[in-house]
């Protein structure tokens, strides 16, 4: 038995899929940048 294709995704579903797929990586990137900036401000001699 072949799985049935349900058709194209609604634009809102596409946006949610992209957000769920790439959102965690974007959040991680922002956290890394913010942590590096705060560490540079705390100890500039390193």
C-alpha atoms as a PDB file:
ATOM      1  CA  UNK A   1       0.000   0.000   0.000  1.00  0.00           C
ATOM      2  CA  UNK A   2       1.381   3.391  -0.988  1.00  0.00           C
ATOM      3  CA  UNK A   3       0.992   6.368   1.338  1.00  0.00           C
ATOM      4  CA  UNK A   4      -1.388   8.975  -0.009  1.00  0.00           C
ATOM      5  CA  UNK A   5      -0.117  12.449  -0.754  1.00  0.00           C
ATOM      6  CA  UNK A   6      -2.213  15.101   0.962  1.00  0.00           C
ATOM      7  CA  UNK A   7      -1.340  17.922  -1.425  1.00  0.00           C
ATOM      8  CA  UNK A   8       0.594  21.131  -1.064  1.00  0.00           C
ATOM      9  CA  UNK A   9       1.000  22.784   2.287  1.00  0.00           C
ATOM     10  CA  UNK A  10      -0.858  25.962   3.144  1.00  0.00           C
ATOM     11  CA  UNK A  11       1.486  28.995   3.292  1.00  0.00           C
ATOM     12  CA  UNK A  12       1.038  29.202   7.064  1.00  0.00           C
ATOM     13  CA  UNK A  13       2.003  25.536   7.381  1.00  0.00           C
ATOM     14  CA  UNK A  14       5.092  26.171   5.262  1.00  0.00           C
ATOM     15  CA  UNK A  15       6.095  29.071   7.514  1.00  0.00           C
ATOM     16  CA  UNK A  16       5.608  26.973  10.647  1.00  0.00           C
ATOM     17  CA  UNK A  17       7.615  24.116   9.137  1.00  0.00           C
ATOM     18  CA  UNK A  18      10.504  26.448   8.330  1.00  0.00           C
ATOM     19  CA  UNK A  19      10.307  28.017  11.779  1.00  0.00           C
ATOM     20  CA  UNK A  20      10.428  24.616  13.467  1.00  0.00           C
ATOM     21  CA  UNK A  21      13.252  23.432  11.206  1.00  0.00           C
ATOM     22  CA  UNK A  22      15.545  26.457  11.423  1.00  0.00           C
ATOM     23  CA  UNK A  23      14.334  28.349  14.493  1.00  0.00           C
ATOM     24  CA  UNK A  24      16.403  26.456  17.069  1.00  0.00           C
ATOM     25  CA  UNK A  25      19.584  27.072  15.062  1.00  0.00           C
ATOM     26  CA  UNK A  26      18.826  30.782  14.788  1.00  0.00           C
ATOM     27  CA  UNK A  27      18.168  31.019  18.522  1.00  0.00           C
ATOM     28  CA  UNK A  28      21.409  29.149  19.251  1.00  0.00           C
ATOM     29  CA  UNK A  29      23.342  31.548  17.020  1.00  0.00           C
ATOM     30  CA  UNK A  30      21.881  34.577  18.795  1.00  0.00           C
ATOM     31  CA  UNK A  31      22.698  33.104  22.215  1.00  0.00           C
ATOM     32  CA  UNK A  32      26.301  32.390  21.182  1.00  0.00           C
ATOM     33  CA  UNK A  33      26.790  35.925  19.850  1.00  0.00           C
ATOM     34  CA  UNK A  34      25.311  37.497  22.977  1.00  0.00           C
ATOM     35  CA  UNK A  35      27.403  35.329  25.303  1.00  0.00           C
ATOM     36  CA  UNK A  36      30.610  36.155  23.428  1.00  0.00           C
ATOM     37  CA  UNK A  37      29.834  39.875  23.606  1.00  0.00           C
ATOM     38  CA  UNK A  38      29.124  39.716  27.336  1.00  0.00           C
ATOM     39  CA  UNK A  39      32.307  37.730  27.982  1.00  0.00           C
ATOM     40  CA  UNK A  40      34.367  40.264  25.987  1.00  0.00           C
ATOM     41  CA  UNK A  41      32.913  43.112  28.051  1.00  0.00           C
ATOM     42  CA  UNK A  42      33.640  41.328  31.344  1.00  0.00           C
ATOM     43  CA  UNK A  43      37.252  40.347  30.615  1.00  0.00           C
ATOM     44  CA  UNK A  44      38.799  42.372  27.760  1.00  0.00           C
ATOM     45  CA  UNK A  45      42.403  41.334  28.536  1.00  0.00           C
ATOM     46  CA  UNK A  46      41.900  37.680  27.438  1.00  0.00           C
END
